[in-house]
Amino acid sequence: MQKYINLWFSLSLDLFGGEVSSNAASFFSAGMKGRAQEPKYTDHMALEGTYPVAGEEIPLRNAMNEVLRDSYIEDCEKCLERWNRVIAEHEIPYRLRLPDRRFHRHIGAYAAHRFDPGGHRLTPEQWNERRDEFLPGPKDTAYVRNLMVPVMEIGKIAHWISKPTTGIHGMPFEFEYVRREQ
């Protein structure tokens, strides 16, 4: 599971774009890009101030991708904390964690370098040797495919999914929610 968190999280971070972006500034000024919980900010134009990006202060509008990325990371950390509480309640000696923001990046300031999930820089050779420690490899993919066997019978559910406590809109679990053409 940790390898898939490493993969999905790192790819998601790339979706925000580069850390410093004049395009993000333009989209923000045009009202097509906004911050999470915008009402909590007093400067809705983001004309003043700076934002720290990789140890450097960048004009706020140009750092808007990083502002949004930081909000996303904060949300992801909250989710993992909830998951880790459940794991701990079941006395499983493991904690899920987010990889460092520099890990497995393909866009932005860290794209040209390789880092492990802890944020330590690796040579290309070290990355190639250790890649399958951090990200899903062929064995992991085969294992997940083996688990994910579809179940199409009404009232049945795949063994890898928990049965819901109630159906949708009060309907019984066994209700034919989706009709499939034969």
C-alpha atoms as a PDB file:
ATOM      1  CA  MET A   1       0.000   0.000   0.000  1.00  0.00           C
ATOM      2  CA  GLN A   2       2.868   2.368   0.823  1.00  0.00           C
ATOM      3  CA  LYS A   3       4.304   1.970  -2.677  1.00  0.00           C
ATOM      4  CA  TYR A   4       0.970   2.958  -4.208  1.00  0.00           C
ATOM      5  CA  ILE A   5       0.684   5.967  -1.888  1.00  0.00           C
ATOM      6  CA  ASN A   6       4.184   6.979  -3.019  1.00  0.00           C
ATOM      7  CA  LEU A   7       3.143   6.656  -6.669  1.00  0.00           C
ATOM      8  CA  TRP A   8      -0.270   8.353  -6.552  1.00  0.00           C
ATOM      9  CA  PHE A   9       0.849  11.159  -4.254  1.00  0.00           C
ATOM     10  CA  SER A  10       3.931  12.023  -6.314  1.00  0.00           C
ATOM     11  CA  LEU A  11       1.982  11.994  -9.577  1.00  0.00           C
ATOM     12  CA  SER A  12      -0.720  14.147  -7.976  1.00  0.00           C
ATOM     13  CA  LEU A  13       1.851  16.740  -6.942  1.00  0.00           C
ATOM     14  CA  ASP A  14       2.933  17.079 -10.563  1.00  0.00           C
ATOM     15  CA  LEU A  15      -0.640  17.959 -11.552  1.00  0.00           C
ATOM     16  CA  PHE A  16      -0.247  21.332  -9.816  1.00  0.00           C
ATOM     17  CA  GLY A  17       2.485  22.350 -12.265  1.00  0.00           C
ATOM     18  CA  GLY A  18       5.829  23.994 -11.617  1.00  0.00           C
ATOM     19  CA  GLU A  19       6.577  25.593  -8.270  1.00  0.00           C
ATOM     20  CA  VAL A  20       7.004  29.031  -9.859  1.00  0.00           C
ATOM     21  CA  SER A  21       4.651  29.810 -12.726  1.00  0.00           C
ATOM     22  CA  SER A  22       3.682  32.956 -14.587  1.00  0.00           C
ATOM     23  CA  ASN A  23       0.827  30.931 -16.132  1.00  0.00           C
ATOM     24  CA  ALA A  24      -0.549  30.217 -12.641  1.00  0.00           C
ATOM     25  CA  ALA A  25      -0.317  33.953 -11.881  1.00  0.00           C
ATOM     26  CA  SER A  26      -2.221  34.785 -15.062  1.00  0.00           C
ATOM     27  CA  PHE A  27      -4.920  32.197 -14.407  1.00  0.00           C
ATOM     28  CA  PHE A  28      -5.294  33.399 -10.807  1.00  0.00           C
ATOM     29  CA  SER A  29      -5.630  37.042 -11.930  1.00  0.00           C
ATOM     30  CA  ALA A  30      -8.257  35.995 -14.506  1.00  0.00           C
ATOM     31  CA  GLY A  31     -10.246  34.197 -11.804  1.00  0.00           C
ATOM     32  CA  MET A  32      -9.689  30.742 -13.308  1.00  0.00           C
ATOM     33  CA  LYS A  33      -7.447  29.498 -10.497  1.00  0.00           C
ATOM     34  CA  GLY A  34      -8.098  29.970  -6.821  1.00  0.00           C
ATOM     35  CA  ARG A  35      -6.837  29.036  -3.402  1.00  0.00           C
ATOM     36  CA  ALA A  36      -8.547  26.535  -1.142  1.00  0.00           C
ATOM     37  CA  GLN A  37     -10.782  28.354   1.349  1.00  0.00           C
ATOM     38  CA  GLU A  38     -10.309  31.687  -0.415  1.00  0.00           C
ATOM     39  CA  PRO A  39     -12.664  33.543   1.991  1.00  0.00           C
ATOM     40  CA  LYS A  40     -10.093  33.205   4.792  1.00  0.00           C
ATOM     41  CA  TYR A  41      -7.652  35.428   2.859  1.00  0.00           C
ATOM     42  CA  THR A  42      -7.843  39.227   2.995  1.00  0.00           C
ATOM     43  CA  ASP A  43      -5.950  39.912  -0.257  1.00  0.00           C
ATOM     44  CA  HIS A  44      -8.143  38.180  -2.861  1.00  0.00           C
ATOM     45  CA  MET A  45      -6.048  39.567  -5.684  1.00  0.00           C
ATOM     46  CA  ALA A  46      -2.751  38.220  -4.232  1.00  0.00           C
ATOM     47  CA  LEU A  47      -1.027  41.391  -5.369  1.00  0.00           C
ATOM     48  CA  GLU A  48       1.163  41.684  -2.301  1.00  0.00           C
ATOM     49  CA  GLY A  49       3.350  39.333  -0.366  1.00  0.00           C
ATOM     50  CA  THR A  50       5.618  36.467  -1.138  1.00  0.00           C
ATOM     51  CA  TYR A  51       5.589  32.735  -0.591  1.00  0.00           C
ATOM     52  CA  PRO A  52       8.547  30.508   0.304  1.00  0.00           C
ATOM     53  CA  VAL A  53       9.470  28.115  -2.492  1.00  0.00           C
ATOM     54  CA  ALA A  54      12.552  25.902  -2.075  1.00  0.00           C
ATOM     55  CA  GLY A  55      14.117  28.386   0.355  1.00  0.00           C
ATOM     56  CA  GLU A  56      13.438  31.446  -1.791  1.00  0.00           C
ATOM     57  CA  GLU A  57      10.693  34.077  -1.422  1.00  0.00           C
ATOM     58  CA  ILE A  58       8.628  34.242  -4.618  1.00  0.00           C
ATOM     59  CA  PRO A  59       5.887  36.803  -5.430  1.00  0.00           C
ATOM     60  CA  LEU A  60       2.642  35.249  -4.196  1.00  0.00           C
ATOM     61  CA  ARG A  61       0.869  35.081  -7.552  1.00  0.00           C
ATOM     62  CA  ASN A  62       3.841  33.368  -9.205  1.00  0.00           C
ATOM     63  CA  ALA A  63       3.907  30.832  -6.370  1.00  0.00           C
ATOM     64  CA  MET A  64       0.179  30.011  -6.587  1.00  0.00           C
ATOM     65  CA  ASN A  65       0.842  26.423  -7.712  1.00  0.00           C
ATOM     66  CA  GLU A  66       2.940  25.897  -4.602  1.00  0.00           C
ATOM     67  CA  VAL A  67       0.270  27.499  -2.390  1.00  0.00           C
ATOM     68  CA  LEU A  68      -2.281  25.042  -3.773  1.00  0.00           C
ATOM     69  CA  ARG A  69       0.147  22.116  -3.573  1.00  0.00           C
ATOM     70  CA  ASP A  70       0.796  22.900   0.111  1.00  0.00           C
ATOM     71  CA  SER A  71      -2.961  22.880   0.815  1.00  0.00           C
ATOM     72  CA  TYR A  72      -3.272  19.543  -0.955  1.00  0.00           C
ATOM     73  CA  ILE A  73      -0.368  18.076   1.025  1.00  0.00           C
ATOM     74  CA  GLU A  74      -1.985  19.252   4.260  1.00  0.00           C
ATOM     75  CA  ASP A  75      -5.255  17.511   3.303  1.00  0.00           C
ATOM     76  CA  CYS A  76      -3.393  14.304   2.399  1.00  0.00           C
ATOM     77  CA  GLU A  77      -1.560  14.355   5.739  1.00  0.00           C
ATOM     78  CA  LYS A  78      -4.918  14.582   7.558  1.00  0.00           C
ATOM     79  CA  CYS A  79      -6.227  11.584   5.607  1.00  0.00           C
ATOM     80  CA  LEU A  80      -3.166   9.499   6.430  1.00  0.00           C
ATOM     81  CA  GLU A  81      -3.481  10.404  10.103  1.00  0.00           C
ATOM     82  CA  ARG A  82      -7.048   9.030  10.091  1.00  0.00           C
ATOM     83  CA  TRP A  83      -5.886   5.859   8.339  1.00  0.00           C
ATOM     84  CA  ASN A  84      -2.993   5.498  10.783  1.00  0.00           C
ATOM     85  CA  ARG A  85      -5.378   5.806  13.742  1.00  0.00           C
ATOM     86  CA  VAL A  86      -7.424   2.900  12.381  1.00  0.00           C
ATOM     87  CA  ILE A  87      -4.264   0.884  11.761  1.00  0.00           C
ATOM     88  CA  ALA A  88      -3.113   1.568  15.331  1.00  0.00           C
ATOM     89  CA  GLU A  89      -6.555   0.640  16.737  1.00  0.00           C
ATOM     90  CA  HIS A  90      -6.114  -2.769  15.113  1.00  0.00           C
ATOM     91  CA  GLU A  91      -2.653  -3.026  16.684  1.00  0.00           C
ATOM     92  CA  ILE A  92      -0.888  -3.284  13.351  1.00  0.00           C
ATOM     93  CA  PRO A  93       2.720  -2.142  13.815  1.00  0.00           C
ATOM     94  CA  TYR A  94       2.900   0.025  10.702  1.00  0.00           C
ATOM     95  CA  ARG A  95       2.364   3.673   9.791  1.00  0.00           C
ATOM     96  CA  LEU A  96       1.591   4.970   6.337  1.00  0.00           C
ATOM     97  CA  ARG A  97       3.396   8.139   5.341  1.00  0.00           C
ATOM     98  CA  LEU A  98       3.568  10.595   2.502  1.00  0.00           C
ATOM     99  CA  PRO A  99       6.799  10.717   0.544  1.00  0.00           C
ATOM    100  CA  ASP A 100       8.761  13.937   0.424  1.00  0.00           C
ATOM    101  CA  ARG A 101       7.491  16.494  -2.096  1.00  0.00           C
ATOM    102  CA  ARG A 102      10.697  16.021  -4.137  1.00  0.00           C
ATOM    103  CA  PHE A 103      10.166  12.279  -4.597  1.00  0.00           C
ATOM    104  CA  HIS A 104       9.383  10.962  -8.115  1.00  0.00           C
ATOM    105  CA  ARG A 105       8.593  14.345  -9.630  1.00  0.00           C
ATOM    106  CA  HIS A 106       8.415  14.875 -13.381  1.00  0.00           C
ATOM    107  CA  ILE A 107       7.422  18.553 -13.419  1.00  0.00           C
ATOM    108  CA  GLY A 108       8.969  21.532 -11.679  1.00  0.00           C
ATOM    109  CA  ALA A 109      12.150  22.202  -9.752  1.00  0.00           C
ATOM    110  CA  TYR A 110      12.754  18.577  -8.746  1.00  0.00           C
ATOM    111  CA  ALA A 111      12.072  16.892 -12.104  1.00  0.00           C
ATOM    112  CA  ALA A 112      15.735  16.719 -13.124  1.00  0.00           C
ATOM    113  CA  HIS A 113      16.807  14.900  -9.949  1.00  0.00           C
ATOM    114  CA  ARG A 114      16.013  11.670  -8.146  1.00  0.00           C
ATOM    115  CA  PHE A 115      15.073  11.472  -4.462  1.00  0.00           C
ATOM    116  CA  ASP A 116      14.024   8.654  -2.160  1.00  0.00           C
ATOM    117  CA  PRO A 117      10.694   8.948  -0.274  1.00  0.00           C
ATOM    118  CA  GLY A 118      12.560  10.554   2.638  1.00  0.00           C
ATOM    119  CA  GLY A 119      13.772  13.360   0.367  1.00  0.00           C
ATOM    120  CA  HIS A 120      17.409  12.216   0.147  1.00  0.00           C
ATOM    121  CA  ARG A 121      19.045  12.813  -3.214  1.00  0.00           C
ATOM    122  CA  LEU A 122      19.978   9.729  -5.230  1.00  0.00           C
ATOM    123  CA  THR A 123      22.172   9.242  -8.244  1.00  0.00           C
ATOM    124  CA  PRO A 124      20.435   7.846 -11.332  1.00  0.00           C
ATOM    125  CA  GLU A 125      22.186   4.526 -10.641  1.00  0.00           C
ATOM    126  CA  GLN A 126      20.934   4.443  -7.038  1.00  0.00           C
ATOM    127  CA  TRP A 127      17.414   5.285  -8.225  1.00  0.00           C
ATOM    128  CA  ASN A 128      17.456   2.478 -10.800  1.00  0.00           C
ATOM    129  CA  GLU A 129      18.705  -0.024  -8.206  1.00  0.00           C
ATOM    130  CA  ARG A 130      16.151   0.966  -5.571  1.00  0.00           C
ATOM    131  CA  ARG A 131      13.108   2.034  -7.619  1.00  0.00           C
ATOM    132  CA  ASP A 132      11.088  -1.094  -6.758  1.00  0.00           C
ATOM    133  CA  GLU A 133      11.593  -0.378  -3.024  1.00  0.00           C
ATOM    134  CA  PHE A 134       9.625   2.851  -3.433  1.00  0.00           C
ATOM    135  CA  LEU A 135       7.147   2.322  -6.281  1.00  0.00           C
ATOM    136  CA  PRO A 136       4.977  -0.579  -7.415  1.00  0.00           C
ATOM    137  CA  GLY A 137       6.796  -3.000  -9.669  1.00  0.00           C
ATOM    138  CA  PRO A 138       5.556  -5.894 -11.792  1.00  0.00           C
ATOM    139  CA  LYS A 139       5.106  -8.181  -8.747  1.00  0.00           C
ATOM    140  CA  ASP A 140       3.015  -5.552  -6.950  1.00  0.00           C
ATOM    141  CA  THR A 141       0.867  -4.955 -10.025  1.00  0.00           C
ATOM    142  CA  ALA A 142       0.307  -8.685 -10.497  1.00  0.00           C
ATOM    143  CA  TYR A 143      -0.652  -9.048  -6.817  1.00  0.00           C
ATOM    144  CA  VAL A 144      -3.226  -6.239  -7.014  1.00  0.00           C
ATOM    145  CA  ARG A 145      -4.680  -7.609 -10.255  1.00  0.00           C
ATOM    146  CA  ASN A 146      -5.002 -10.992  -8.544  1.00  0.00           C
ATOM    147  CA  LEU A 147      -6.981  -9.389  -5.697  1.00  0.00           C
ATOM    148  CA  MET A 148      -9.296  -7.357  -7.866  1.00  0.00           C
ATOM    149  CA  VAL A 149     -11.584 -10.012  -9.294  1.00  0.00           C
ATOM    150  CA  PRO A 150     -14.879  -8.424 -10.387  1.00  0.00           C
ATOM    151  CA  VAL A 151     -18.152  -9.664  -8.892  1.00  0.00           C
ATOM    152  CA  MET A 152     -21.258  -8.913 -10.942  1.00  0.00           C
ATOM    153  CA  GLU A 153     -23.971 -10.882  -9.097  1.00  0.00           C
ATOM    154  CA  ILE A 154     -26.688  -8.884  -7.370  1.00  0.00           C
ATOM    155  CA  GLY A 155     -26.277  -9.066  -3.584  1.00  0.00           C
ATOM    156  CA  LYS A 156     -22.646 -10.197  -3.790  1.00  0.00           C
ATOM    157  CA  ILE A 157     -19.543  -8.119  -3.254  1.00  0.00           C
ATOM    158  CA  ALA A 158     -15.860  -8.623  -4.041  1.00  0.00           C
ATOM    159  CA  HIS A 159     -13.842  -9.995  -1.131  1.00  0.00           C
ATOM    160  CA  TRP A 160     -11.536  -6.959  -1.164  1.00  0.00           C
ATOM    161  CA  ILE A 161     -14.380  -4.482  -0.512  1.00  0.00           C
ATOM    162  CA  SER A 162     -16.259  -4.098   2.759  1.00  0.00           C
ATOM    163  CA  LYS A 163     -20.002  -4.601   2.499  1.00  0.00           C
ATOM    164  CA  PRO A 164     -21.793  -1.288   3.101  1.00  0.00           C
ATOM    165  CA  THR A 165     -23.945  -1.044   6.221  1.00  0.00           C
ATOM    166  CA  THR A 166     -26.851   0.375   4.174  1.00  0.00           C
ATOM    167  CA  GLY A 167     -27.790   0.627   0.530  1.00  0.00           C
ATOM    168  CA  ILE A 168     -28.023   3.814  -1.505  1.00  0.00           C
ATOM    169  CA  HIS A 169     -31.020   5.994  -0.595  1.00  0.00           C
ATOM    170  CA  GLY A 170     -32.264   3.394   1.887  1.00  0.00           C
ATOM    171  CA  MET A 171     -32.549   0.649  -0.717  1.00  0.00           C
ATOM    172  CA  PRO A 172     -31.420  -2.814   0.342  1.00  0.00           C
ATOM    173  CA  PHE A 173     -27.873  -3.867  -0.479  1.00  0.00           C
ATOM    174  CA  GLU A 174     -29.287  -6.565  -2.777  1.00  0.00           C
ATOM    175  CA  PHE A 175     -31.138  -3.991  -4.943  1.00  0.00           C
ATOM    176  CA  GLU A 176     -30.259  -4.055  -8.650  1.00  0.00           C
ATOM    177  CA  TYR A 177     -28.514  -0.657  -8.759  1.00  0.00           C
ATOM    178  CA  VAL A 178     -26.998  -1.188 -12.208  1.00  0.00           C
ATOM    179  CA  ARG A 179     -28.627  -3.096 -14.994  1.00  0.00           C
ATOM    180  CA  ARG A 180     -26.224  -4.712 -17.412  1.00  0.00           C
ATOM    181  CA  GLU A 181     -27.170  -5.694 -20.935  1.00  0.00           C
ATOM    182  CA  GLN A 182     -26.654  -9.405 -21.463  1.00  0.00           C
END
